[in-house]
């Protein structure tokens, strides 16, 4: 799991922000819209910091 998370955390901030999640989904060919990505991040952002940390992932 850690390796997958780190591969998605391209800027090495230790969390997945909107751009990281959006880029990941696009690379999988899913072409999400902005609202879908915002909802996804919000759903899994348990601590409310606006990103998905490893523990939340």
C-alpha atoms as a PDB file:
ATOM      1  CA  UNK A   1       0.000   0.000   0.000  1.00  0.00           C
ATOM      2  CA  UNK A   2       2.832   2.394   0.859  1.00  0.00           C
ATOM      3  CA  UNK A   3       4.417   1.932  -2.569  1.00  0.00           C
ATOM      4  CA  UNK A   4       1.132   2.653  -4.347  1.00  0.00           C
ATOM      5  CA  UNK A   5       0.562   5.758  -2.218  1.00  0.00           C
ATOM      6  CA  UNK A   6       4.085   7.022  -2.859  1.00  0.00           C
ATOM      7  CA  UNK A   7       3.717   6.461  -6.598  1.00  0.00           C
ATOM      8  CA  UNK A   8       0.606   8.672  -6.563  1.00  0.00           C
ATOM      9  CA  UNK A   9       2.257  11.308  -4.345  1.00  0.00           C
ATOM     10  CA  UNK A  10       4.364  12.709  -7.173  1.00  0.00           C
ATOM     11  CA  UNK A  11       5.251  15.958  -5.409  1.00  0.00           C
ATOM     12  CA  UNK A  12       6.374  14.015  -2.300  1.00  0.00           C
ATOM     13  CA  UNK A  13       4.308  16.113   0.122  1.00  0.00           C
ATOM     14  CA  UNK A  14       3.102  13.043   1.990  1.00  0.00           C
ATOM     15  CA  UNK A  15      -0.497  13.529   0.926  1.00  0.00           C
ATOM     16  CA  UNK A  16      -2.686  13.424  -2.146  1.00  0.00           C
ATOM     17  CA  UNK A  17      -4.255  16.768  -2.958  1.00  0.00           C
ATOM     18  CA  UNK A  18      -6.858  17.561  -5.593  1.00  0.00           C
ATOM     19  CA  UNK A  19      -4.290  17.716  -8.402  1.00  0.00           C
ATOM     20  CA  UNK A  20      -2.684  14.405  -7.429  1.00  0.00           C
ATOM     21  CA  UNK A  21      -6.027  12.598  -7.364  1.00  0.00           C
ATOM     22  CA  UNK A  22      -7.155  14.254 -10.607  1.00  0.00           C
ATOM     23  CA  UNK A  23      -3.920  13.302 -12.400  1.00  0.00           C
ATOM     24  CA  UNK A  24      -4.124   9.739 -11.111  1.00  0.00           C
ATOM     25  CA  UNK A  25      -7.693   9.250 -12.307  1.00  0.00           C
ATOM     26  CA  UNK A  26      -6.867  10.761 -15.690  1.00  0.00           C
ATOM     27  CA  UNK A  27      -3.876   8.452 -16.063  1.00  0.00           C
ATOM     28  CA  UNK A  28      -6.284   5.555 -15.555  1.00  0.00           C
ATOM     29  CA  UNK A  29      -8.447   6.897 -18.397  1.00  0.00           C
ATOM     30  CA  UNK A  30     -11.373   7.851 -16.163  1.00  0.00           C
ATOM     31  CA  UNK A  31     -11.589  11.570 -17.122  1.00  0.00           C
ATOM     32  CA  UNK A  32     -13.345  12.795 -13.966  1.00  0.00           C
ATOM     33  CA  UNK A  33     -14.868  16.248 -13.730  1.00  0.00           C
ATOM     34  CA  UNK A  34     -13.808  18.712 -11.039  1.00  0.00           C
ATOM     35  CA  UNK A  35     -16.836  17.996  -8.836  1.00  0.00           C
ATOM     36  CA  UNK A  36     -16.196  14.263  -8.814  1.00  0.00           C
ATOM     37  CA  UNK A  37     -12.605  14.716  -7.682  1.00  0.00           C
ATOM     38  CA  UNK A  38     -13.597  17.261  -5.031  1.00  0.00           C
ATOM     39  CA  UNK A  39     -16.188  14.810  -3.682  1.00  0.00           C
ATOM     40  CA  UNK A  40     -13.682  11.967  -3.641  1.00  0.00           C
ATOM     41  CA  UNK A  41     -11.064  13.980  -1.759  1.00  0.00           C
ATOM     42  CA  UNK A  42     -13.688  15.280   0.679  1.00  0.00           C
ATOM     43  CA  UNK A  43     -15.016  11.765   1.335  1.00  0.00           C
ATOM     44  CA  UNK A  44     -11.630  10.318   2.276  1.00  0.00           C
ATOM     45  CA  UNK A  45     -10.130  13.429   3.901  1.00  0.00           C
ATOM     46  CA  UNK A  46     -10.960  12.359   7.448  1.00  0.00           C
ATOM     47  CA  UNK A  47      -8.921  15.049   9.213  1.00  0.00           C
ATOM     48  CA  UNK A  48     -10.270  17.874   7.027  1.00  0.00           C
ATOM     49  CA  UNK A  49      -6.909  19.198   5.824  1.00  0.00           C
ATOM     50  CA  UNK A  50      -7.948  19.198   2.153  1.00  0.00           C
ATOM     51  CA  UNK A  51      -5.859  16.202   1.146  1.00  0.00           C
ATOM     52  CA  UNK A  52      -5.654  12.449   1.613  1.00  0.00           C
ATOM     53  CA  UNK A  53      -2.775  11.332   3.834  1.00  0.00           C
ATOM     54  CA  UNK A  54      -1.381   7.827   3.861  1.00  0.00           C
ATOM     55  CA  UNK A  55      -3.482   6.751   6.855  1.00  0.00           C
ATOM     56  CA  UNK A  56      -6.637   8.008   5.121  1.00  0.00           C
ATOM     57  CA  UNK A  57      -5.595   6.292   1.903  1.00  0.00           C
END
